[in-house]
Structure formats: structure tokens, C-alpha cells
Amino acid sequence: MFFVIDKSKIFSYAVAICTVVILFVVAATLDTGTSENTITTSTNIVETNTISNNLLNNISNSIQK
């Protein structure tokens, strides 16, 4: 069995390895999220949305009067 090594294969292997390394670096960088950007439960979203809607309804009612 002969190993055929030419310039195009070496270049394609180098591009593939560099791509994998870059993806791992980007994934490690993006994984450092803070807790203030994390939503813990959907209940908080629903409660916040309800409060916001009630506040907007109160403001629009007071403007219309």
C-alpha cells in the first residue's frame, strides 16, 4: 500500500484541522455565559409578561380617559 501525499491533500488536511481547532476555541469562548443572561424557569417569563401587559393596559386606559 502506497501513501500518496500531494500538495492539495496536505492543504485540505490543514484546513480541516484548523477548522476544528477554531470551532473548539469559539465553543469554549461562548460557554462563559453569566447567570444574569440565564432564564431559570418559564414561570418567571409568564409572570413578567403578565405584569408588563397589565402595566401597559393601565397606562393606555389612563391615557384614553
Protein backbone atom coordinates (compact mmCIF):
# COMPACT_ATOMS: atom_id res chain seq x y z
CA MET A 1 0.00 0.00 0.00
CA PHE A 2 1.39 3.38 -1.01
CA PHE A 3 0.71 6.68 0.66
CA VAL A 4 0.13 9.35 -1.92
CA ILE A 5 0.92 12.73 -0.44
CA ASP A 6 0.50 15.73 -2.65
CA LYS A 7 0.09 19.42 -2.04
CA SER A 8 -3.71 19.52 -2.33
CA LYS A 9 -4.19 16.75 0.27
CA ILE A 10 -1.86 18.41 2.74
CA PHE A 11 -3.68 21.71 2.25
CA SER A 12 -7.11 20.10 2.74
CA TYR A 13 -5.95 18.32 5.93
CA ALA A 14 -4.53 21.59 7.26
CA VAL A 15 -7.80 23.41 6.56
CA ALA A 16 -9.83 20.67 8.25
CA ILE A 17 -7.64 20.64 11.36
CA CYS A 18 -7.65 24.45 11.60
CA THR A 19 -11.44 24.49 11.27
CA VAL A 20 -11.86 22.01 14.11
CA VAL A 21 -9.47 23.96 16.34
CA ILE A 22 -11.27 27.24 15.61
CA LEU A 23 -14.66 25.67 16.38
CA PHE A 24 -13.42 24.35 19.73
CA VAL A 25 -11.99 27.76 20.64
CA VAL A 26 -15.24 29.51 19.72
CA ALA A 27 -17.29 26.96 21.67
CA ALA A 28 -15.11 27.46 24.76
CA THR A 29 -15.45 31.23 24.44
CA LEU A 30 -19.23 31.14 24.09
CA ASP A 31 -19.62 28.80 27.06
CA THR A 32 -18.69 31.53 29.56
CA GLY A 33 -22.25 32.84 29.95
CA THR A 34 -23.24 34.79 33.02
CA SER A 35 -26.14 33.95 35.29
CA GLU A 36 -27.90 37.25 34.60
CA ASN A 37 -28.45 36.18 30.99
CA THR A 38 -29.90 32.82 32.02
CA ILE A 39 -33.64 32.30 32.35
CA THR A 40 -34.33 29.86 35.15
CA THR A 41 -37.98 28.92 34.57
CA SER A 42 -40.76 29.69 32.17
CA THR A 43 -42.92 30.78 35.11
CA ASN A 44 -40.83 33.89 35.55
CA ILE A 45 -41.36 34.78 31.91
CA VAL A 46 -45.11 34.34 32.12
CA GLU A 47 -45.34 36.38 35.34
CA THR A 48 -43.17 39.14 33.92
CA ASN A 49 -45.15 39.19 30.70
CA THR A 50 -48.44 39.38 32.62
CA ILE A 51 -47.16 42.23 34.77
CA SER A 52 -45.95 44.09 31.68
CA ASN A 53 -49.28 43.61 29.93
CA ASN A 54 -51.20 44.82 32.99
CA LEU A 55 -48.97 47.87 33.26
CA LEU A 56 -49.42 48.70 29.58
CA ASN A 57 -53.19 48.24 29.86
CA ASN A 58 -53.31 50.59 32.88
CA ILE A 59 -51.27 53.22 31.07
CA SER A 60 -53.39 53.01 27.93
CA ASN A 61 -56.60 53.23 29.99
CA SER A 62 -55.37 56.29 31.84
CA ILE A 63 -54.35 57.96 28.56
CA GLN A 64 -57.77 57.31 26.99
CA LYS A 65 -59.63 58.91 29.92
